[in-house]
Amino acid sequence: MRVGIARITLRLAYPFSLKEKRRLLKGLMAQLKRDFNVSVAEIDEQDNLRAAVLGVAVVSNDGGLSQRVLHKLVAQIERHPDVSVEQVESEVL
């Protein structure tokens, strides 16, 4: 079993309230879960309107597959119009 994990730091473009931030992140996380069959959670910067840190985990029997899924997931986040990726830390265990 191989577990791919990533910590993705995001800069958010528009939220003017925590409610808007939650709505934006909830939609983004639901899309990632649906498209990549991964676990996703906001793990840091919960009270910061313009930043978010997502934790992502994917489990497979192939470490290369886990790494490819994480790369594709980050690429999809980068295409989101209201989010920019500032930093990505990932590894396969």
N, C-alpha and C. Protein backbone atom coordinates (compact mmCIF):
# COMPACT_ATOMS: atom_id res chain seq x y z
N MET A 1 0.85 -1.19 0.00
CA MET A 1 0.00 0.00 0.00
C MET A 1 0.89 1.24 0.00
N ARG A 2 0.54 2.19 -0.84
CA ARG A 2 1.26 3.47 -0.93
C ARG A 2 0.27 4.60 -0.64
N VAL A 3 0.70 5.52 0.20
CA VAL A 3 -0.13 6.68 0.55
C VAL A 3 0.57 7.93 0.07
N GLY A 4 -0.10 8.68 -0.80
CA GLY A 4 0.41 9.97 -1.24
C GLY A 4 -0.24 11.07 -0.42
N ILE A 5 0.56 11.95 0.12
CA ILE A 5 0.02 13.06 0.90
C ILE A 5 0.56 14.37 0.35
N ALA A 6 -0.25 15.40 0.48
CA ALA A 6 0.17 16.73 0.03
C ALA A 6 -0.39 17.80 0.96
N ARG A 7 0.41 18.82 1.15
CA ARG A 7 -0.01 20.02 1.88
C ARG A 7 0.06 21.15 0.85
N ILE A 8 -1.10 21.72 0.54
CA ILE A 8 -1.20 22.71 -0.54
C ILE A 8 -1.62 24.05 0.06
N THR A 9 -0.75 25.04 -0.04
CA THR A 9 -1.04 26.38 0.46
C THR A 9 -1.63 27.21 -0.67
N LEU A 10 -2.79 27.81 -0.40
CA LEU A 10 -3.53 28.56 -1.41
C LEU A 10 -3.67 30.02 -1.03
N ARG A 11 -3.72 30.88 -2.02
CA ARG A 11 -4.07 32.29 -1.86
C ARG A 11 -5.42 32.46 -2.55
N LEU A 12 -6.38 33.03 -1.84
CA LEU A 12 -7.74 33.16 -2.35
C LEU A 12 -7.97 34.58 -2.86
N ALA A 13 -8.67 34.68 -3.97
CA ALA A 13 -8.81 35.97 -4.66
C ALA A 13 -9.87 36.87 -4.04
N TYR A 14 -11.02 36.35 -3.73
CA TYR A 14 -12.12 37.26 -3.45
C TYR A 14 -12.84 37.18 -2.11
N PRO A 15 -12.74 36.20 -1.28
CA PRO A 15 -13.66 36.17 -0.14
C PRO A 15 -13.54 37.41 0.75
N PHE A 16 -14.70 37.97 1.07
CA PHE A 16 -14.76 39.14 1.95
C PHE A 16 -15.33 38.77 3.31
N SER A 17 -15.64 37.48 3.48
CA SER A 17 -16.11 36.98 4.77
C SER A 17 -15.72 35.51 4.88
N LEU A 18 -15.71 35.02 6.10
CA LEU A 18 -15.39 33.60 6.30
C LEU A 18 -16.45 32.72 5.66
N LYS A 19 -17.68 33.20 5.61
CA LYS A 19 -18.76 32.44 4.97
C LYS A 19 -18.48 32.25 3.47
N GLU A 20 -18.03 33.30 2.80
CA GLU A 20 -17.66 33.18 1.38
C GLU A 20 -16.47 32.25 1.19
N LYS A 21 -15.49 32.34 2.10
CA LYS A 21 -14.33 31.47 2.02
C LYS A 21 -14.75 30.01 2.14
N ARG A 22 -15.60 29.72 3.11
CA ARG A 22 -16.07 28.34 3.32
C ARG A 22 -16.81 27.83 2.08
N ARG A 23 -17.62 28.68 1.49
CA ARG A 23 -18.38 28.28 0.30
C ARG A 23 -17.42 27.96 -0.85
N LEU A 24 -16.42 28.80 -1.07
CA LEU A 24 -15.43 28.57 -2.12
C LEU A 24 -14.67 27.27 -1.89
N LEU A 25 -14.17 27.08 -0.67
CA LEU A 25 -13.39 25.88 -0.37
C LEU A 25 -14.23 24.62 -0.38
N LYS A 26 -15.46 24.72 0.09
CA LYS A 26 -16.34 23.55 0.10
C LYS A 26 -16.57 23.05 -1.33
N GLY A 27 -16.82 23.96 -2.25
CA GLY A 27 -17.01 23.58 -3.65
C GLY A 27 -15.75 23.00 -4.26
N LEU A 28 -14.61 23.62 -3.99
CA LEU A 28 -13.34 23.14 -4.52
C LEU A 28 -13.02 21.74 -3.98
N MET A 29 -13.19 21.54 -2.69
CA MET A 29 -12.88 20.25 -2.09
C MET A 29 -13.82 19.16 -2.59
N ALA A 30 -15.10 19.48 -2.77
CA ALA A 30 -16.05 18.50 -3.30
C ALA A 30 -15.67 18.09 -4.72
N GLN A 31 -15.24 19.05 -5.51
CA GLN A 31 -14.82 18.76 -6.89
C GLN A 31 -13.59 17.85 -6.89
N LEU A 32 -12.62 18.12 -6.03
CA LEU A 32 -11.41 17.31 -5.97
C LEU A 32 -11.73 15.89 -5.51
N LYS A 33 -12.59 15.76 -4.51
CA LYS A 33 -12.99 14.44 -4.03
C LYS A 33 -13.67 13.65 -5.14
N ARG A 34 -14.55 14.30 -5.85
CA ARG A 34 -15.31 13.64 -6.92
C ARG A 34 -14.39 13.25 -8.09
N ASP A 35 -13.52 14.16 -8.51
CA ASP A 35 -12.70 13.92 -9.70
C ASP A 35 -11.52 12.97 -9.46
N PHE A 36 -10.97 12.96 -8.24
CA PHE A 36 -9.75 12.20 -7.99
C PHE A 36 -9.88 11.11 -6.92
N ASN A 37 -11.04 11.00 -6.29
CA ASN A 37 -11.27 9.98 -5.25
C ASN A 37 -10.20 10.07 -4.15
N VAL A 38 -10.03 11.26 -3.62
CA VAL A 38 -9.05 11.53 -2.57
C VAL A 38 -9.76 12.05 -1.34
N SER A 39 -9.05 12.09 -0.24
CA SER A 39 -9.53 12.75 0.97
C SER A 39 -8.91 14.14 1.02
N VAL A 40 -9.74 15.14 1.30
CA VAL A 40 -9.28 16.54 1.32
C VAL A 40 -9.88 17.23 2.54
N ALA A 41 -9.07 18.05 3.21
CA ALA A 41 -9.56 18.83 4.34
C ALA A 41 -8.76 20.13 4.43
N GLU A 42 -9.42 21.16 4.95
CA GLU A 42 -8.71 22.40 5.26
C GLU A 42 -8.01 22.18 6.59
N ILE A 43 -6.68 22.29 6.60
CA ILE A 43 -5.92 21.92 7.80
C ILE A 43 -5.25 23.10 8.51
N ASP A 44 -5.28 24.29 7.90
CA ASP A 44 -4.63 25.44 8.54
C ASP A 44 -5.20 26.72 7.93
N GLU A 45 -4.94 27.84 8.59
CA GLU A 45 -5.37 29.17 8.14
C GLU A 45 -6.90 29.31 8.07
N GLN A 46 -7.62 28.62 8.96
CA GLN A 46 -9.08 28.66 8.92
C GLN A 46 -9.66 30.05 9.12
N ASP A 47 -9.00 30.89 9.89
CA ASP A 47 -9.53 32.22 10.18
C ASP A 47 -8.94 33.32 9.30
N ASN A 48 -8.11 32.96 8.35
CA ASN A 48 -7.50 33.93 7.43
C ASN A 48 -8.34 33.97 6.16
N LEU A 49 -8.89 35.14 5.83
CA LEU A 49 -9.78 35.26 4.67
C LEU A 49 -9.10 34.98 3.34
N ARG A 50 -7.85 35.31 3.19
CA ARG A 50 -7.18 35.24 1.90
C ARG A 50 -6.24 34.05 1.73
N ALA A 51 -6.20 33.17 2.72
CA ALA A 51 -5.30 32.01 2.63
C ALA A 51 -6.01 30.76 3.12
N ALA A 52 -5.55 29.63 2.61
CA ALA A 52 -6.05 28.33 3.05
C ALA A 52 -4.95 27.31 2.84
N VAL A 53 -4.96 26.29 3.67
CA VAL A 53 -4.03 25.18 3.51
C VAL A 53 -4.87 23.91 3.46
N LEU A 54 -4.73 23.17 2.37
CA LEU A 54 -5.46 21.92 2.20
C LEU A 54 -4.52 20.75 2.42
N GLY A 55 -5.03 19.72 3.09
CA GLY A 55 -4.34 18.46 3.22
C GLY A 55 -5.04 17.45 2.33
N VAL A 56 -4.27 16.72 1.54
CA VAL A 56 -4.83 15.76 0.59
C VAL A 56 -4.14 14.42 0.81
N ALA A 57 -4.92 13.34 0.75
CA ALA A 57 -4.37 12.00 0.85
C ALA A 57 -4.99 11.10 -0.20
N VAL A 58 -4.16 10.27 -0.82
CA VAL A 58 -4.61 9.29 -1.80
C VAL A 58 -3.91 7.97 -1.50
N VAL A 59 -4.67 6.88 -1.54
CA VAL A 59 -4.13 5.57 -1.25
C VAL A 59 -4.23 4.71 -2.51
N SER A 60 -3.14 4.02 -2.84
CA SER A 60 -3.16 3.09 -3.97
C SER A 60 -2.12 2.01 -3.73
N ASN A 61 -2.03 1.06 -4.65
CA ASN A 61 -1.02 0.02 -4.52
C ASN A 61 0.26 0.37 -5.27
N ASP A 62 0.30 1.55 -5.88
CA ASP A 62 1.43 1.99 -6.69
C ASP A 62 1.82 3.42 -6.30
N GLY A 63 3.05 3.59 -5.85
CA GLY A 63 3.51 4.92 -5.45
C GLY A 63 3.52 5.90 -6.60
N GLY A 64 3.84 5.43 -7.81
CA GLY A 64 3.84 6.31 -8.98
C GLY A 64 2.46 6.83 -9.28
N LEU A 65 1.46 5.96 -9.13
CA LEU A 65 0.08 6.39 -9.35
C LEU A 65 -0.32 7.46 -8.35
N SER A 66 0.02 7.26 -7.09
CA SER A 66 -0.31 8.25 -6.06
C SER A 66 0.32 9.60 -6.40
N GLN A 67 1.57 9.60 -6.84
CA GLN A 67 2.25 10.84 -7.19
C GLN A 67 1.60 11.51 -8.40
N ARG A 68 1.22 10.72 -9.42
CA ARG A 68 0.56 11.28 -10.60
C ARG A 68 -0.79 11.89 -10.25
N VAL A 69 -1.54 11.24 -9.37
CA VAL A 69 -2.83 11.78 -8.95
C VAL A 69 -2.64 13.12 -8.26
N LEU A 70 -1.65 13.22 -7.38
CA LEU A 70 -1.39 14.49 -6.68
C LEU A 70 -0.98 15.58 -7.66
N HIS A 71 -0.16 15.25 -8.66
CA HIS A 71 0.25 16.26 -9.65
C HIS A 71 -0.95 16.74 -10.46
N LYS A 72 -1.81 15.83 -10.88
CA LYS A 72 -3.00 16.22 -11.64
C LYS A 72 -3.95 17.05 -10.80
N LEU A 73 -4.06 16.70 -9.52
CA LEU A 73 -4.93 17.44 -8.61
C LEU A 73 -4.42 18.88 -8.46
N VAL A 74 -3.13 19.06 -8.27
CA VAL A 74 -2.56 20.41 -8.14
C VAL A 74 -2.77 21.19 -9.44
N ALA A 75 -2.59 20.54 -10.58
CA ALA A 75 -2.80 21.21 -11.86
C ALA A 75 -4.24 21.67 -12.00
N GLN A 76 -5.19 20.88 -11.53
CA GLN A 76 -6.60 21.29 -11.59
C GLN A 76 -6.86 22.47 -10.68
N ILE A 77 -6.28 22.47 -9.49
CA ILE A 77 -6.44 23.61 -8.58
C ILE A 77 -5.87 24.88 -9.22
N GLU A 78 -4.73 24.75 -9.88
CA GLU A 78 -4.10 25.92 -10.51
C GLU A 78 -4.97 26.52 -11.61
N ARG A 79 -5.84 25.74 -12.21
CA ARG A 79 -6.74 26.26 -13.24
C ARG A 79 -7.98 26.95 -12.67
N HIS A 80 -8.18 26.84 -11.36
CA HIS A 80 -9.35 27.47 -10.73
C HIS A 80 -9.18 28.99 -10.76
N PRO A 81 -10.19 29.73 -11.20
CA PRO A 81 -10.03 31.18 -11.39
C PRO A 81 -9.88 31.99 -10.10
N ASP A 82 -10.38 31.47 -8.97
CA ASP A 82 -10.38 32.25 -7.74
C ASP A 82 -9.30 31.82 -6.74
N VAL A 83 -8.41 30.94 -7.17
CA VAL A 83 -7.41 30.38 -6.27
C VAL A 83 -6.05 30.36 -6.96
N SER A 84 -5.01 30.71 -6.21
CA SER A 84 -3.66 30.52 -6.75
C SER A 84 -2.88 29.65 -5.75
N VAL A 85 -2.10 28.75 -6.29
CA VAL A 85 -1.30 27.83 -5.48
C VAL A 85 0.02 28.52 -5.13
N GLU A 86 0.28 28.65 -3.84
CA GLU A 86 1.52 29.28 -3.40
C GLU A 86 2.62 28.27 -3.11
N GLN A 87 2.24 27.13 -2.55
CA GLN A 87 3.26 26.15 -2.18
C GLN A 87 2.63 24.76 -2.15
N VAL A 88 3.41 23.77 -2.56
CA VAL A 88 2.97 22.38 -2.52
C VAL A 88 4.08 21.55 -1.90
N GLU A 89 3.74 20.80 -0.89
CA GLU A 89 4.67 19.84 -0.27
C GLU A 89 4.00 18.49 -0.40
N SER A 90 4.67 17.54 -1.07
CA SER A 90 4.06 16.22 -1.22
C SER A 90 5.09 15.13 -1.05
N GLU A 91 4.60 13.95 -0.68
CA GLU A 91 5.46 12.79 -0.57
C GLU A 91 4.59 11.53 -0.63
N VAL A 92 5.23 10.44 -0.97
CA VAL A 92 4.56 9.15 -1.02
C VAL A 92 5.20 8.27 0.05
N LEU A 93 4.37 7.71 0.89
CA LEU A 93 4.85 6.86 1.99
C LEU A 93 4.60 5.40 1.67
